[in-house]
Protein backbone atom coordinates (compact mmCIF):
# COMPACT_ATOMS: atom_id res chain seq x y z
CA MET A 1 -25.12 -9.14 31.35
CA PRO A 2 -24.59 -7.48 27.78
CA PRO A 3 -20.64 -6.61 26.66
CA ARG A 4 -19.44 -3.16 27.45
CA THR A 5 -19.14 -1.14 24.36
CA ARG A 6 -16.43 1.36 23.64
CA ARG A 7 -17.42 4.83 23.53
CA PRO A 8 -15.48 7.23 20.81
CA ALA A 9 -13.38 9.58 22.32
CA ALA A 10 -14.60 13.28 22.29
CA ALA A 11 -12.74 15.68 20.27
CA ASP A 12 -11.10 17.26 23.50
CA GLN A 13 -10.04 13.90 24.43
CA LEU A 14 -8.15 13.15 21.13
CA ASN A 15 -4.33 13.49 21.14
CA GLU A 16 -2.62 16.45 19.05
CA ALA A 17 -1.88 14.05 16.48
CA ALA A 18 -5.27 12.93 16.07
CA GLN A 19 -6.70 16.45 16.31
CA LEU A 20 -4.47 17.59 13.43
CA ALA A 21 -5.26 14.44 11.64
CA ASP A 22 -9.12 15.77 11.90
CA GLN A 23 -8.04 19.08 10.71
CA LEU A 24 -6.59 17.56 7.64
CA GLN A 25 -9.46 15.50 6.96
CA ALA A 26 -11.56 18.32 7.18
CA ALA A 27 -9.67 20.16 4.90
CA GLY A 28 -10.08 17.27 2.29
CA TYR A 29 -7.65 14.87 2.91
CA THR A 30 -8.15 11.08 3.70
CA LYS A 31 -6.29 8.90 6.43
CA ARG A 32 -4.67 7.28 3.65
CA ASP A 33 -3.36 10.71 2.27
CA ILE A 34 -2.38 11.65 5.81
CA ALA A 35 -0.25 8.26 5.94
CA ARG A 36 1.60 8.97 2.45
CA ILE A 37 2.74 12.63 3.87
CA ILE A 38 4.20 11.03 6.84
CA ASN A 39 5.41 7.81 4.96
CA ARG A 40 3.87 5.37 7.21
CA ASP A 41 1.11 2.94 6.86
CA ALA A 42 -2.50 3.96 7.03
CA SER A 43 -3.17 1.88 10.06
CA LEU A 44 -0.96 3.87 11.91
CA VAL A 45 -2.93 6.99 11.55
CA SER A 46 -5.83 5.00 12.69
CA GLN A 47 -3.85 4.47 16.00
CA PHE A 48 -3.66 8.13 16.63
CA TYR A 49 -7.16 7.53 17.48
CA THR A 50 -6.94 4.49 19.12
CA LYS A 51 -3.80 3.71 21.03
CA ASN A 52 -2.72 7.32 21.68
CA LYS A 53 0.13 7.13 19.10
CA GLY A 54 1.46 9.99 16.96
CA ALA A 55 3.38 12.22 18.92
CA ALA A 56 6.62 11.86 16.81
CA PHE A 57 4.61 13.19 13.86
CA VAL A 58 2.87 16.33 15.60
CA THR A 59 5.54 18.89 14.56
CA ALA A 60 5.35 17.45 11.08
CA LEU A 61 1.47 17.68 10.67
CA ARG A 62 1.36 21.16 12.19
CA GLN A 63 3.54 22.32 9.18
CA VAL A 64 1.37 20.42 6.77
CA LEU A 65 -1.70 21.78 8.11
CA ALA A 66 -0.14 25.20 7.99
CA ALA A 67 0.82 24.68 4.55
CA VAL A 68 -2.43 23.65 3.50
CA GLU A 69 -4.49 26.19 4.98
CA THR A 70 -2.46 29.20 4.58
CA GLY A 71 0.04 28.41 1.76
CA GLY A 72 -2.14 26.91 -0.27
CA ILE A 73 -0.16 23.90 -0.90
CA THR A 74 -2.05 20.67 -1.78
CA ASP A 75 0.20 18.74 -3.71
CA LEU A 76 0.92 15.32 -1.79
CA PRO A 77 4.61 15.00 -2.83
CA GLU A 78 5.18 18.50 -1.64
CA LEU A 79 3.62 18.11 1.17
CA LYS A 80 5.43 14.74 2.30
CA ALA A 81 8.48 16.64 1.39
CA LEU A 82 7.62 19.43 3.86
CA ALA A 83 6.73 16.60 6.71
CA GLU A 84 10.37 14.67 6.02
CA ARG A 85 12.03 17.83 7.46
CA HIS A 86 9.94 17.57 10.78
CA ILE A 87 9.82 13.98 11.30
CA THR A 88 12.52 12.76 13.94
CA ARG A 89 13.16 9.22 15.21
CA ARG A 90 12.60 8.15 18.80
CA THR A 91 15.67 7.83 20.82
CA THR A 92 16.48 5.07 23.64
CA THR A 93 17.19 5.95 27.22
CA SER A 94 20.84 6.02 25.93
CA GLY A 95 20.14 8.90 23.56
CA ALA A 96 20.50 6.42 20.85
CA LYS A 97 18.18 6.50 17.44
CA ALA A 98 15.87 3.78 18.18
CA ARG A 99 15.39 1.26 15.35
CA VAL A 100 12.16 1.40 13.14
CA ARG A 101 10.53 -1.98 13.58
CA THR A 102 9.85 -3.28 9.91
CA LYS A 103 8.81 -6.80 8.48
CA ALA A 104 11.82 -8.36 6.70
CA VAL A 105 11.89 -8.85 3.33
CA LEU A 106 12.53 -12.36 2.48
CA ILE A 107 14.25 -12.95 -0.85
CA THR A 108 16.52 -16.27 -1.06
CA PRO A 109 19.54 -16.67 -2.98
CA THR A 110 17.66 -17.96 -5.83
CA GLY A 111 15.47 -14.82 -6.02
CA SER A 112 12.54 -16.50 -4.77
CA GLY A 113 10.32 -14.05 -2.97
CA THR A 114 6.53 -14.09 -1.86
CA GLY A 115 4.35 -11.39 -0.31
CA ARG A 116 0.50 -11.57 0.13
CA VAL A 117 -1.92 -9.13 1.17
CA ALA A 118 -5.66 -9.38 1.59
CA ALA A 119 -8.48 -6.61 2.25
CA GLN A 120 -7.36 -4.30 5.25
CA ALA A 121 -3.71 -4.23 3.55
CA ILE A 122 -5.02 -3.73 -0.05
CA SER A 123 -6.96 -0.63 1.30
CA SER A 124 -4.20 1.10 2.51
CA GLY A 125 -2.10 0.48 -0.68
CA SER A 126 -0.57 -2.80 0.00
CA ALA A 127 2.30 -0.77 1.60
CA ARG A 128 3.91 -4.23 2.99
CA LEU A 129 4.61 -5.29 -0.41
CA ARG A 130 6.47 -2.28 -1.48
CA PRO A 131 9.96 -3.41 -0.06
CA LEU A 132 9.44 -6.81 -1.87
CA ILE A 133 9.16 -5.05 -5.20
CA ALA A 134 11.81 -2.60 -4.54
CA GLU A 135 14.42 -5.40 -3.67
CA ALA A 136 13.72 -7.32 -6.30
CA ALA A 137 14.25 -4.60 -8.66
CA ARG A 138 17.54 -3.64 -7.01
CA GLN A 139 18.55 -7.46 -7.65
CA GLY A 140 17.08 -7.64 -11.07
CA LEU A 141 14.82 -10.33 -10.36
CA ARG A 142 11.57 -11.39 -12.42
CA LEU A 143 8.30 -10.79 -10.82
CA ALA A 144 4.70 -12.21 -11.22
CA PHE A 145 1.60 -11.47 -9.31
CA THR A 146 -2.04 -12.90 -8.66
CA VAL A 147 -4.97 -10.98 -8.18
CA ARG A 148 -8.46 -11.77 -7.06
CA LEU A 149 -11.51 -9.38 -8.03
CA GLY A 150 -15.14 -10.05 -8.89
CA LYS A 151 -15.68 -11.81 -11.98
CA THR A 152 -17.55 -9.11 -13.72
CA GLY A 153 -14.39 -6.95 -13.11
CA TYR A 154 -12.61 -8.67 -15.54
CA LEU A 155 -12.93 -7.65 -19.31
CA HIS A 156 -11.99 -11.40 -20.72
CA PRO A 157 -13.62 -15.05 -19.75
CA SER A 158 -11.45 -17.00 -17.82
CA GLY A 159 -8.87 -18.79 -20.08
CA SER A 160 -8.78 -16.03 -22.81
CA ARG A 161 -5.31 -16.18 -24.14
CA THR A 162 -5.81 -12.53 -24.54
CA ASP A 163 -6.01 -12.05 -20.64
CA SER A 164 -3.95 -14.93 -19.24
CA PRO A 165 -2.38 -17.80 -21.52
CA GLY A 166 -3.48 -21.11 -21.24
CA ILE A 167 -7.15 -22.68 -21.08
CA ARG A 168 -8.18 -21.83 -17.40
CA ARG A 169 -4.76 -22.24 -16.28
CA ASP A 170 -3.76 -20.00 -13.61
CA VAL A 171 -7.42 -19.36 -12.66
CA ILE A 172 -9.05 -19.86 -9.32
CA GLN A 173 -12.76 -19.36 -9.51
CA ARG A 174 -14.55 -19.00 -5.90
CA ALA A 175 -18.08 -19.39 -4.81
CA ASP A 176 -18.44 -16.00 -3.54
CA HIS A 177 -18.39 -14.60 -7.42
CA THR A 178 -14.75 -13.57 -7.03
CA GLU A 179 -11.83 -14.96 -9.46
CA GLU A 180 -8.06 -15.24 -8.76
CA ARG A 181 -5.80 -14.89 -11.84
CA SER A 182 -2.23 -15.14 -12.10
CA TYR A 183 -0.27 -12.94 -14.63
CA GLY A 184 3.69 -13.73 -15.14
CA SER A 185 5.32 -17.20 -14.49
CA ALA A 186 8.74 -18.42 -14.58
CA SER A 187 7.57 -20.42 -18.00
CA THR A 188 6.51 -17.03 -19.51
CA GLY A 189 9.48 -14.98 -18.42
CA GLY A 190 7.61 -13.07 -16.20
CA PHE A 191 7.82 -9.24 -15.79
CA ASP A 192 10.78 -6.85 -15.13
CA ALA A 193 10.40 -6.03 -11.08
CA THR A 194 12.25 -2.80 -12.00
CA ASP A 195 9.56 -1.69 -14.16
CA PHE A 196 6.86 -2.33 -11.59
CA ALA A 197 9.15 -0.74 -8.89
CA ARG A 198 8.99 2.44 -11.04
CA ARG A 199 5.28 2.10 -11.22
CA VAL A 200 4.89 1.84 -7.71
CA ASP A 201 7.22 4.97 -7.05
CA ALA A 202 4.76 6.79 -9.58
CA THR A 203 1.91 6.11 -7.35
CA ALA A 204 3.75 7.45 -4.19
CA GLY A 205 4.24 4.05 -2.60
CA ASP A 206 0.70 2.58 -3.52
CA VAL A 207 1.02 -1.16 -4.77
CA THR A 208 -2.40 -1.78 -4.98
CA ALA A 209 -2.98 1.44 -7.28
CA ALA A 210 0.16 0.46 -9.44
CA ILE A 211 -1.34 -3.35 -10.01
CA HIS A 212 -4.60 -1.90 -10.84
CA GLN A 213 -3.43 0.73 -13.31
CA TRP A 214 -1.21 -1.76 -15.03
CA LEU A 215 -4.22 -4.23 -15.52
CA VAL A 216 -6.71 -1.15 -16.89
CA GLU A 217 -3.95 -0.19 -19.28
CA THR A 218 -3.12 -3.46 -20.73
CA GLY A 219 -7.01 -3.94 -20.85
CA ARG A 220 -7.55 -6.81 -18.53
CA ILE A 221 -9.84 -5.45 -15.84
CA HIS A 222 -12.65 -2.66 -15.88
CA PRO A 223 -11.48 0.87 -14.50
CA ASP A 224 -14.14 0.26 -11.60
CA ALA A 225 -12.81 -3.05 -10.56
CA HIS A 226 -11.80 -3.66 -6.81
CA ILE A 227 -8.67 -5.96 -6.07
CA ILE A 228 -9.43 -7.68 -2.80
CA HIS A 229 -6.43 -10.35 -2.96
CA LEU A 230 -2.65 -9.49 -4.05
CA GLU A 231 0.31 -12.01 -4.10
CA ILE A 232 3.53 -10.91 -5.90
CA ARG A 233 6.46 -13.46 -6.40
CA THR A 234 9.86 -13.07 -7.39
CA TRP A 235 12.64 -15.48 -9.19
CA ARG A 236 15.98 -14.82 -10.91
CA SER A 237 15.87 -15.04 -14.35
CA ARG A 238 18.26 -18.03 -15.64
């Protein structure tokens, strides 16, 4: 017997959060934009459709949609500020506010911390890396990162001192025509985590965009290059 395929839900079967998300998408916003507006990961917006989630964001999404359709407001930070006023935490059976489930940011007493993301998280802005960068900035740590993209996305050949110092050091070439390159290390001093935290804040929490922007600004990759893997490392300078 062939496997059963799941039929997509009809519009009238979607919960209200998904219906509101559909209307915002019709107005030109992506799921990623909606996630930024409600200050959540884009995967949660997808779960409005697949797992019937989103009830806690219905009021906020109604207000945002009204602001877009009747108020002419299109700026994401402004819509995010509007949504924040209408998002309330879940409560437990005793009436207390439920704790938000988050992944712990592990940075050792020496300042050593590492976070990695791949394809799916990259496309949603590598949000799980933001707390690591923010905590590194709070502690005044140094930072380095490794990116992976197609070889043709880089402006300089591997091993170029203009790009990353050393003859092919900190470069991993892969059979799928992609290449990993590392920027910053304890031996070179790395980068100020505070600077990258500011960059992430300037891109509304999109770590992928912040790193991509830095690589373009410093003349290391083509503007249309696509990051497919990202790793952040931190340490305390001596």
